Amino acid sequence: MKLLVAEDDESVCEMLRMFFVKESYDTTFVHDGLTAGSRIREEAWDFIILDWMLPGKDGITLCRELRQSMPTPVILLTARDREQDRILGLETGADDYVAKPFSPMELIARMKAVLRRYQPGIFVAPREPETSVSEAGLLRHHGIVIHLDSRTVAIQGTAATNLTPKEFELLCLFVRHPKRVFTREQLLELVWGYSYAGEERTVDVHIKRLRQKISTPDYPLIGTVWGVGYKLEES
């Protein structure tokens, strides 16, 4: 895996270098935001880790710019651990947010959980009688068409672009079970792959972003069931 790490703390870089070598990651470290931005534009990366407070250009700005043109998985590293900071990071387009100080093993576990979202066909949700029409590599429900192999989505004939892996898997889950209401806890388990204790707000942020990308005023798609969770709206 070709990995870019933008982190200005040399001690953090050295710590991560040892663990990434064990994982056989082909890792490049840069130490300022301007260099990180150039490397992101010039090369293809399998995964990007951005420190929030980079000199030159911060990680939030880099993540926002990256999300305008590519779905590369991104994790933000930061010492800012307030809820509003986590929400800002996720709304910017990061796939996950790891607060400092952190365990390198936890970071690697979160990276692997994010990567699972990028692998076609690896996500398997429990099947239920109300599952929408499913063909080989294809999900359909009313005006929604999802090609699982290419990870492309069309809503009423219009392509939905730049869905992050978790947004894509959330939509797949809802389309597979159009009549089911999912709690935030269930969505965390099924889409993130493991439980984030106390992080149900993460689901709200991703649902908000997904709605912005796939919904119209006449076709809201993802509905809120107050006091419970979320479900796919019938067209």
Protein backbone atom coordinates (compact mmCIF):
# COMPACT_ATOMS: atom_id res chain seq x y z
CA MET A 1 0.00 0.00 0.00
CA LYS A 2 1.33 3.42 -0.98
CA LEU A 3 0.82 5.69 2.02
CA LEU A 4 1.40 9.43 2.45
CA VAL A 5 1.79 10.79 5.99
CA ALA A 6 1.81 14.58 6.48
CA GLU A 7 2.96 15.19 10.06
CA ASP A 8 5.32 17.91 11.33
CA ASP A 9 6.26 16.16 14.58
CA GLU A 10 9.41 14.14 13.83
CA SER A 11 8.97 11.92 16.90
CA VAL A 12 5.47 10.91 15.76
CA CYS A 13 6.85 10.16 12.29
CA GLU A 14 9.60 7.93 13.67
CA MET A 15 7.13 6.05 15.86
CA LEU A 16 4.79 5.49 12.91
CA ARG A 17 7.65 4.54 10.59
CA MET A 18 8.53 1.52 12.74
CA PHE A 19 4.96 0.22 12.81
CA PHE A 20 4.31 0.88 9.11
CA VAL A 21 7.47 -1.03 8.17
CA LYS A 22 6.08 -4.04 10.03
CA GLU A 23 2.89 -3.72 7.98
CA SER A 24 4.96 -3.50 4.74
CA TYR A 25 3.45 -0.11 3.87
CA ASP A 26 5.33 1.92 1.25
CA THR A 27 5.28 5.13 3.31
CA THR A 28 6.33 8.67 2.42
CA PHE A 29 6.56 11.27 5.20
CA VAL A 30 6.28 15.02 4.58
CA HIS A 31 6.32 17.72 7.22
CA ASP A 32 4.37 20.70 5.89
CA GLY A 33 1.08 21.28 4.15
CA LEU A 34 2.43 22.84 0.96
CA THR A 35 4.65 19.82 0.26
CA ALA A 36 1.78 17.50 1.13
CA GLY A 37 -0.50 19.32 -1.32
CA SER A 38 2.05 18.99 -4.12
CA ARG A 39 2.59 15.28 -3.50
CA ILE A 40 -1.16 14.64 -3.37
CA ARG A 41 -1.65 16.36 -6.75
CA GLU A 42 1.36 14.76 -8.43
CA GLU A 43 1.08 11.13 -7.30
CA ALA A 44 -1.54 8.44 -6.75
CA TRP A 45 -1.88 7.29 -3.13
CA ASP A 46 -3.72 4.37 -1.57
CA PHE A 47 -4.10 6.14 1.77
CA ILE A 48 -3.36 9.60 3.20
CA ILE A 49 -2.85 10.60 6.84
CA LEU A 50 -2.98 14.33 7.56
CA ASP A 51 -2.07 16.19 10.72
CA TRP A 52 -4.58 18.96 11.36
CA MET A 53 -2.06 21.66 12.37
CA LEU A 54 0.47 21.42 9.54
CA PRO A 55 2.60 24.49 8.79
CA GLY A 56 1.98 26.16 5.44
CA LYS A 57 -1.45 24.62 4.85
CA ASP A 58 -3.46 22.78 7.48
CA GLY A 59 -4.83 19.26 7.16
CA ILE A 60 -8.45 20.43 7.08
CA THR A 61 -7.78 22.57 4.01
CA LEU A 62 -5.85 19.75 2.34
CA CYS A 63 -8.66 17.29 3.00
CA ARG A 64 -11.27 19.70 1.65
CA GLU A 65 -9.23 20.24 -1.54
CA LEU A 66 -8.61 16.52 -1.98
CA ARG A 67 -12.30 15.68 -1.65
CA GLN A 68 -13.16 17.96 -4.57
CA SER A 69 -11.51 15.58 -7.02
CA MET A 70 -10.67 12.20 -5.47
CA PRO A 71 -12.06 9.64 -2.99
CA THR A 72 -8.68 8.56 -1.54
CA PRO A 73 -9.12 7.39 2.06
CA VAL A 74 -8.04 10.01 4.62
CA ILE A 75 -7.50 9.96 8.37
CA LEU A 76 -6.93 13.19 10.30
CA LEU A 77 -4.50 13.28 13.24
CA THR A 78 -4.92 16.05 15.77
CA ALA A 79 -4.54 17.09 19.38
CA ARG A 80 -7.89 18.86 19.08
CA ASP A 81 -10.38 16.40 20.53
CA ARG A 82 -13.48 18.53 21.14
CA GLU A 83 -16.68 17.22 19.63
CA GLN A 84 -17.01 20.22 17.29
CA ASP A 85 -13.48 19.59 16.01
CA ARG A 86 -14.29 15.94 15.25
CA ILE A 87 -17.47 16.99 13.48
CA LEU A 88 -15.60 19.59 11.41
CA GLY A 89 -13.02 17.00 10.37
CA LEU A 90 -15.67 14.51 9.30
CA GLU A 91 -17.75 17.13 7.50
CA THR A 92 -14.64 18.15 5.56
CA GLY A 93 -14.49 14.63 4.15
CA ALA A 94 -12.13 12.68 6.39
CA ASP A 95 -12.97 8.98 6.75
CA ASP A 96 -11.85 8.94 10.36
CA TYR A 97 -10.36 11.16 13.06
CA VAL A 98 -7.67 10.06 15.54
CA ALA A 99 -6.90 12.27 18.53
CA LYS A 100 -3.37 12.61 19.92
CA PRO A 101 -1.85 10.98 21.83
CA PHE A 102 -2.77 7.75 20.10
CA SER A 103 -1.63 4.15 19.83
CA PRO A 104 -0.05 3.26 16.46
CA MET A 105 -1.87 -0.07 16.62
CA GLU A 106 -5.21 1.72 17.00
CA LEU A 107 -4.35 3.93 14.02
CA ILE A 108 -3.50 0.88 11.90
CA ALA A 109 -6.74 -0.82 12.98
CA ARG A 110 -8.73 2.22 11.95
CA MET A 111 -6.86 2.40 8.63
CA LYS A 112 -7.73 -1.24 7.92
CA ALA A 113 -11.37 -0.59 8.82
CA VAL A 114 -11.46 2.33 6.36
CA LEU A 115 -9.76 0.26 3.65
CA ARG A 116 -12.37 -2.46 3.97
CA ARG A 117 -14.89 0.10 2.76
CA TYR A 118 -12.88 0.52 -0.46
CA GLN A 119 -12.78 -3.17 -1.39
CA PRO A 120 -15.69 -4.10 -3.70
CA GLY A 121 -17.90 -6.85 -2.42
CA ILE A 122 -16.34 -7.14 1.02
CA PHE A 123 -19.22 -5.48 2.85
CA VAL A 124 -21.90 -7.99 3.75
CA ALA A 125 -25.00 -6.84 5.59
CA PRO A 126 -27.56 -9.23 7.05
CA ARG A 127 -30.16 -10.23 4.45
CA GLU A 128 -33.81 -9.73 5.23
CA PRO A 129 -37.08 -10.45 3.39
CA GLU A 130 -37.54 -6.79 2.43
CA THR A 131 -34.19 -6.59 0.61
CA SER A 132 -34.51 -4.66 -2.66
CA VAL A 133 -33.93 -6.22 -6.08
CA SER A 134 -30.36 -7.47 -6.32
CA GLU A 135 -28.65 -8.80 -9.44
CA ALA A 136 -25.06 -9.95 -9.83
CA GLY A 137 -23.00 -6.94 -8.76
CA LEU A 138 -26.04 -4.65 -8.92
CA LEU A 139 -28.51 -3.17 -6.44
CA ARG A 140 -31.74 -1.45 -7.54
CA HIS A 141 -34.49 0.25 -5.61
CA HIS A 142 -36.90 2.61 -7.36
CA GLY A 143 -34.68 5.32 -8.88
CA ILE A 144 -31.45 4.13 -7.23
CA VAL A 145 -28.98 1.95 -9.15
CA ILE A 146 -25.73 0.83 -7.49
CA HIS A 147 -22.96 -1.03 -9.33
CA LEU A 148 -21.04 -2.82 -6.58
CA ASP A 149 -17.96 -3.75 -8.61
CA SER A 150 -17.29 -0.24 -9.91
CA ARG A 151 -18.75 1.39 -6.79
CA THR A 152 -20.82 3.79 -8.88
CA VAL A 153 -24.24 5.16 -8.02
CA ALA A 154 -27.01 6.69 -10.13
CA ILE A 155 -30.02 8.45 -8.62
CA GLN A 156 -32.90 8.84 -11.08
CA GLY A 157 -30.41 8.56 -13.93
CA THR A 158 -27.93 11.09 -12.53
CA ALA A 159 -24.52 9.90 -11.33
CA ALA A 160 -23.74 10.54 -7.67
CA THR A 161 -20.03 11.34 -7.58
CA ASN A 162 -17.36 11.59 -4.89
CA LEU A 163 -19.07 9.32 -2.37
CA THR A 164 -16.61 8.32 0.32
CA PRO A 165 -16.39 4.61 1.19
CA LYS A 166 -18.55 4.96 4.28
CA GLU A 167 -21.15 7.03 2.43
CA PHE A 168 -21.25 4.36 -0.29
CA GLU A 169 -21.66 1.54 2.24
CA LEU A 170 -24.35 3.45 4.13
CA LEU A 171 -26.32 3.83 0.91
CA CYS A 172 -25.84 0.15 0.03
CA LEU A 173 -27.10 -0.85 3.46
CA PHE A 174 -30.22 1.31 3.16
CA VAL A 175 -30.96 0.06 -0.38
CA ARG A 176 -30.53 -3.57 0.66
CA HIS A 177 -33.04 -3.00 3.48
CA PRO A 178 -35.41 -0.25 2.29
CA LYS A 179 -38.05 -0.84 4.97
CA ARG A 180 -35.74 -1.19 7.95
CA VAL A 181 -34.96 1.55 10.46
CA PHE A 182 -31.33 1.43 11.64
CA THR A 183 -30.19 2.88 14.94
CA ARG A 184 -26.93 4.83 15.05
CA GLU A 185 -25.34 2.00 17.03
CA GLN A 186 -26.31 -0.54 14.36
CA LEU A 187 -24.92 1.67 11.59
CA LEU A 188 -21.63 2.03 13.45
CA GLU A 189 -21.30 -1.73 13.78
CA LEU A 190 -22.35 -2.57 10.21
CA VAL A 191 -20.60 0.19 8.28
CA TRP A 192 -17.60 1.10 10.41
CA GLY A 193 -16.85 -2.51 11.26
CA TYR A 194 -16.50 -2.01 15.01
CA SER A 195 -18.07 0.06 17.74
CA TYR A 196 -16.97 3.64 18.44
CA ALA A 197 -18.01 4.09 22.05
CA GLY A 198 -19.81 7.41 22.38
CA GLU A 199 -19.28 8.29 18.71
CA GLU A 200 -22.86 8.06 17.45
CA ARG A 201 -22.50 11.68 16.27
CA THR A 202 -20.17 10.31 13.58
CA VAL A 203 -23.19 8.65 11.95
CA ASP A 204 -25.12 11.94 11.91
CA VAL A 205 -22.24 13.70 10.14
CA HIS A 206 -21.94 11.02 7.45
CA ILE A 207 -25.71 10.90 6.91
CA LYS A 208 -25.73 14.67 6.46
CA ARG A 209 -22.95 14.46 3.86
CA LEU A 210 -24.65 11.57 2.06
CA ARG A 211 -27.92 13.48 1.88
CA GLN A 212 -26.16 16.50 0.39
CA LYS A 213 -24.70 14.34 -2.38
CA ILE A 214 -27.68 12.20 -3.34
CA SER A 215 -30.88 14.01 -2.34
CA THR A 216 -33.01 16.71 -3.91
CA PRO A 217 -35.87 18.69 -2.30
CA ASP A 218 -38.32 16.40 -4.14
CA TYR A 219 -36.39 13.21 -3.41
CA PRO A 220 -34.86 13.25 0.12
CA LEU A 221 -33.90 9.52 0.12
CA ILE A 222 -32.56 9.17 3.67
CA GLY A 223 -35.18 9.85 6.30
CA THR A 224 -34.84 10.44 10.04
CA VAL A 225 -37.00 8.40 12.38
CA TRP A 226 -36.95 10.61 15.44
CA GLY A 227 -35.75 8.92 18.60
CA VAL A 228 -34.67 5.81 16.67
CA GLY A 229 -32.36 6.36 13.70
CA TYR A 230 -32.48 6.43 9.90
CA LYS A 231 -34.18 4.64 7.01
CA LEU A 232 -34.52 4.80 3.25
CA GLU A 233 -37.47 6.95 2.22
CA GLU A 234 -39.88 5.56 -0.32
CA SER A 235 -39.97 7.62 -3.53
